[in-house]
Amino acid sequence: MRPPARPRSEKSAFRALGCLTALLCTLAAGPPVRAAMLVITVQTSDGRPLPGVVVAAHSLDVPERKPQPVKAVMDQVNRAFTPDLLVIPAGSTVTFPNSDTVSHQIYSFSPSKRFQLPLYRGTPYPPVHFDQVGVVTLGCNIHDEMVGYVVVTDAPYFGRTDTKGAWSNDLAHGRYRITIWHPRMRDAAADLERELTVGETDRAELTLRLTKSLTPAPLAERQHSWDY
């Protein structure tokens, strides 16, 4: 048997209650946040696109949400760090396995993170915790040609430029501070930072052109991800 139909007045009351609940939820959430695509393009001093640049965006208008820490891995293969550059949120950890056929001894003397992993193969050490913002330069005490970087950031938006020198992300309208970093840059700190406003449009663009040429790429058997 089918259940008896609800009276029309009862159906209307339930419908009105549902509309009221939806309205209250919308008001509690606040007005919708409008967003636009921000496109940052980085060029060398002679106007060519520069891939592999670390880009970070900080809001100047509202308190920022901190990016969630991650568990990253930087391996060692063929006497090279793989990947050779990581960008991670502050508070993240990185595991440094050695999948190579030879032993390595990894170290960092960078102020934001000093550590050393004595000679090893495989994965004998626990993950390294990176809790301070900054650039951490990595090396190997056995193989001088090995170099890697861990860039630790507290920016809610970050990434690296692609082969066309561009990085993009969806950001809410407002003012932002944009910073860039690249292992071969030698520009002054003021040249690596800009402020911009993401206005009432669906797209905002900024092109940053370096004022100085890049430092020469070291002579090595293999090309790093930041070599141009």
Protein backbone atom coordinates (compact mmCIF):
# COMPACT_ATOMS: atom_id res chain seq x y z
CA MET A 1 0.00 0.00 0.00
CA ARG A 2 1.20 3.52 -0.79
CA PRO A 3 1.56 5.79 2.27
CA PRO A 4 -1.14 8.40 2.55
CA ALA A 5 -0.35 11.65 0.76
CA ARG A 6 0.65 14.58 2.91
CA PRO A 7 -1.85 17.42 3.03
CA ARG A 8 -1.07 20.24 0.60
CA SER A 9 -0.55 22.68 3.49
CA GLU A 10 2.05 20.34 5.03
CA LYS A 11 3.93 20.06 1.71
CA SER A 12 4.00 23.85 1.40
CA ALA A 13 5.35 24.19 4.93
CA PHE A 14 8.17 21.73 4.22
CA ARG A 15 8.99 23.53 0.96
CA ALA A 16 9.13 26.89 2.73
CA LEU A 17 11.28 25.45 5.49
CA GLY A 18 13.74 24.12 2.89
CA CYS A 19 13.97 27.52 1.18
CA LEU A 20 14.51 29.25 4.52
CA THR A 21 17.29 26.80 5.44
CA ALA A 22 19.05 27.36 2.11
CA LEU A 23 18.78 31.13 2.56
CA LEU A 24 20.23 30.99 6.06
CA CYS A 25 23.14 28.84 4.85
CA THR A 26 23.85 31.33 2.07
CA LEU A 27 23.81 34.28 4.46
CA ALA A 28 26.08 32.46 6.90
CA ALA A 29 28.58 31.73 4.16
CA GLY A 30 28.72 35.39 3.18
CA PRO A 31 28.76 36.87 -0.30
CA PRO A 32 30.41 34.74 -3.03
CA VAL A 33 34.09 35.48 -3.55
CA ARG A 34 34.81 36.53 -7.11
CA ALA A 35 37.99 35.17 -8.63
CA ALA A 36 40.11 35.87 -11.65
CA MET A 37 42.96 34.07 -13.33
CA LEU A 38 46.32 35.64 -12.55
CA VAL A 39 49.06 35.03 -15.12
CA ILE A 40 52.67 35.86 -14.21
CA THR A 41 55.26 35.79 -17.01
CA VAL A 42 58.99 36.01 -16.26
CA GLN A 43 61.51 37.05 -18.90
CA THR A 44 65.29 37.22 -19.02
CA SER A 45 67.00 40.59 -19.38
CA ASP A 46 66.93 40.18 -23.17
CA GLY A 47 63.20 39.41 -23.24
CA ARG A 48 63.18 35.62 -23.56
CA PRO A 49 60.81 33.48 -21.44
CA LEU A 50 62.42 32.00 -18.33
CA PRO A 51 61.10 28.58 -17.26
CA GLY A 52 61.50 27.05 -13.81
CA VAL A 53 61.10 30.29 -11.83
CA VAL A 54 59.52 29.95 -8.37
CA VAL A 55 56.53 32.32 -8.09
CA ALA A 56 54.64 33.13 -4.88
CA ALA A 57 51.62 35.38 -4.29
CA HIS A 58 50.67 36.93 -0.92
CA SER A 59 47.42 38.78 -0.28
CA LEU A 60 47.75 42.37 0.98
CA ASP A 61 44.06 42.80 1.83
CA VAL A 62 42.93 39.86 3.94
CA PRO A 63 44.52 37.46 6.43
CA GLU A 64 45.99 34.58 4.50
CA ARG A 65 45.20 30.93 4.88
CA LYS A 66 48.35 28.96 5.43
CA PRO A 67 49.02 26.23 2.87
CA GLN A 68 48.77 22.71 4.21
CA PRO A 69 52.09 20.92 4.81
CA VAL A 70 52.94 18.06 2.46
CA LYS A 71 55.10 14.95 2.50
CA ALA A 72 57.55 15.32 -0.37
CA VAL A 73 60.31 13.13 -1.74
CA MET A 74 63.65 14.12 -3.29
CA ASP A 75 65.45 11.04 -4.55
CA GLN A 76 69.04 10.61 -5.72
CA VAL A 77 69.53 8.94 -9.09
CA ASN A 78 72.57 8.93 -11.41
CA ARG A 79 74.43 11.26 -9.05
CA ALA A 80 71.70 13.91 -9.17
CA PHE A 81 68.77 15.04 -7.02
CA THR A 82 65.42 13.99 -8.50
CA PRO A 83 63.65 16.38 -8.64
CA ASP A 84 66.44 18.93 -8.26
CA LEU A 85 64.11 21.67 -6.96
CA LEU A 86 61.11 21.36 -4.64
CA VAL A 87 58.67 24.10 -3.58
CA ILE A 88 56.86 23.16 -0.37
CA PRO A 89 54.74 24.88 2.30
CA ALA A 90 56.35 25.62 5.67
CA GLY A 91 55.90 22.71 8.04
CA SER A 92 56.32 20.09 5.33
CA THR A 93 58.68 17.12 5.41
CA VAL A 94 60.98 15.75 2.73
CA THR A 95 62.32 12.23 2.51
CA PHE A 96 65.72 11.83 0.83
CA PRO A 97 66.03 8.24 -0.39
CA ASN A 98 69.16 7.20 -2.26
CA SER A 99 68.18 5.01 -5.21
CA ASP A 100 71.62 5.43 -6.74
CA THR A 101 74.25 2.72 -7.24
CA VAL A 102 76.69 4.68 -5.04
CA SER A 103 76.48 6.16 -1.56
CA HIS A 104 75.77 9.86 -0.91
CA GLN A 105 76.13 12.18 2.08
CA ILE A 106 73.56 14.98 1.88
CA TYR A 107 73.96 18.27 3.71
CA SER A 108 72.67 21.84 3.92
CA PHE A 109 74.37 24.85 5.50
CA SER A 110 71.48 27.20 4.68
CA PRO A 111 70.34 29.38 7.62
CA SER A 112 66.70 28.31 7.29
CA LYS A 113 67.60 24.61 7.58
CA ARG A 114 70.93 23.07 8.53
CA PHE A 115 71.19 19.30 8.49
CA GLN A 116 73.35 16.41 7.38
CA LEU A 117 72.59 12.81 6.41
CA PRO A 118 75.82 10.80 6.79
CA LEU A 119 76.95 8.44 4.04
CA TYR A 120 74.11 6.09 3.07
CA ARG A 121 72.16 4.20 0.44
CA GLY A 122 68.48 3.30 0.47
CA THR A 123 66.25 5.12 3.00
CA PRO A 124 67.84 4.84 6.44
CA TYR A 125 66.85 8.28 7.75
CA PRO A 126 63.47 9.72 8.75
CA PRO A 127 61.98 12.65 6.79
CA VAL A 128 63.54 16.07 7.33
CA HIS A 129 61.18 18.74 8.71
CA PHE A 130 61.27 22.17 7.02
CA ASP A 131 59.52 24.65 9.32
CA GLN A 132 61.22 27.94 8.36
CA VAL A 133 60.57 29.94 5.20
CA GLY A 134 63.59 30.30 2.93
CA VAL A 135 65.75 28.71 0.25
CA VAL A 136 67.63 25.60 1.31
CA THR A 137 70.61 24.65 -0.86
CA LEU A 138 71.54 20.97 -0.87
CA GLY A 139 74.83 19.32 -1.73
CA CYS A 140 76.69 16.03 -1.43
CA ASN A 141 79.97 15.72 0.43
CA ILE A 142 81.07 12.98 -1.96
CA HIS A 143 79.97 14.42 -5.32
CA ASP A 144 80.51 18.16 -5.68
CA GLU A 145 78.51 18.35 -8.92
CA MET A 146 75.31 17.43 -7.08
CA VAL A 147 73.15 20.42 -6.18
CA GLY A 148 69.49 20.75 -5.28
CA TYR A 149 67.12 23.27 -3.73
CA VAL A 150 64.15 23.15 -1.38
CA VAL A 151 62.17 26.41 -1.42
CA VAL A 152 59.99 26.70 1.70
CA THR A 153 57.13 29.18 1.47
CA ASP A 154 54.17 30.41 3.54
CA ALA A 155 52.37 31.85 0.50
CA PRO A 156 48.90 30.40 -0.18
CA TYR A 157 49.60 30.49 -3.94
CA PHE A 158 52.89 29.29 -5.42
CA GLY A 159 54.42 27.30 -8.25
CA ARG A 160 57.01 27.39 -11.04
CA THR A 161 56.88 28.92 -14.51
CA ASP A 162 56.41 26.58 -17.48
CA THR A 163 58.44 26.34 -20.68
CA LYS A 164 56.88 29.63 -21.83
CA GLY A 165 57.96 31.38 -18.63
CA ALA A 166 54.38 31.59 -17.33
CA TRP A 167 52.64 30.62 -14.09
CA SER A 168 48.91 31.01 -13.45
CA ASN A 169 46.39 30.53 -10.66
CA ASP A 170 42.86 31.60 -9.74
CA LEU A 171 42.90 34.37 -7.12
CA ALA A 172 40.18 36.40 -5.46
CA HIS A 173 40.00 40.07 -6.44
CA GLY A 174 42.30 42.28 -4.38
CA ARG A 175 45.90 43.39 -3.95
CA TYR A 176 48.81 40.96 -3.98
CA ARG A 177 52.56 40.92 -3.49
CA ILE A 178 54.32 38.78 -6.08
CA THR A 179 57.81 37.41 -5.47
CA ILE A 180 60.01 35.35 -7.76
CA TRP A 181 63.20 33.34 -7.29
CA HIS A 182 65.51 31.39 -9.56
CA PRO A 183 68.87 29.75 -8.73
CA ARG A 184 70.66 31.72 -11.44
CA MET A 185 69.19 35.16 -10.75
CA ARG A 186 71.51 37.90 -9.56
CA ASP A 187 69.04 40.80 -9.46
CA ALA A 188 68.62 42.82 -6.28
CA ALA A 189 65.81 41.81 -3.93
CA ALA A 190 63.74 44.84 -4.98
CA ASP A 191 63.80 43.62 -8.58
CA LEU A 192 62.25 40.30 -7.61
CA GLU A 193 59.10 41.67 -5.99
CA ARG A 194 56.05 43.49 -7.35
CA GLU A 195 52.60 44.54 -6.16
CA LEU A 196 49.52 44.27 -8.34
CA THR A 197 45.74 44.49 -8.10
CA VAL A 198 43.50 41.76 -9.42
CA GLY A 199 40.57 43.94 -10.49
CA GLU A 200 36.99 43.40 -11.60
CA THR A 201 37.90 41.29 -14.61
CA ASP A 202 38.26 37.60 -15.32
CA ARG A 203 42.00 37.81 -15.98
CA ALA A 204 44.99 39.75 -14.67
CA GLU A 205 48.49 39.62 -16.15
CA LEU A 206 51.94 40.75 -15.04
CA THR A 207 55.23 40.43 -16.91
CA LEU A 208 58.45 40.59 -14.91
CA ARG A 209 61.63 41.20 -16.85
CA LEU A 210 64.97 40.74 -15.12
CA THR A 211 67.30 43.72 -15.13
CA LYS A 212 70.47 41.60 -15.09
CA SER A 213 71.58 38.58 -17.07
CA LEU A 214 71.55 35.16 -15.45
CA THR A 215 74.67 33.75 -13.90
CA PRO A 216 76.40 31.24 -16.22
CA ALA A 217 75.17 27.66 -16.00
CA PRO A 218 77.86 25.36 -14.53
CA LEU A 219 79.51 22.92 -16.89
CA ALA A 220 77.96 19.56 -16.11
CA GLU A 221 77.05 16.31 -17.81
CA ARG A 222 73.35 16.91 -17.30
CA GLN A 223 71.14 19.98 -17.41
CA HIS A 224 69.32 21.13 -14.30
CA SER A 225 65.66 22.09 -14.38
CA TRP A 226 66.66 25.73 -13.86
CA ASP A 227 69.38 25.86 -16.55
CA TYR A 228 68.39 27.99 -19.50
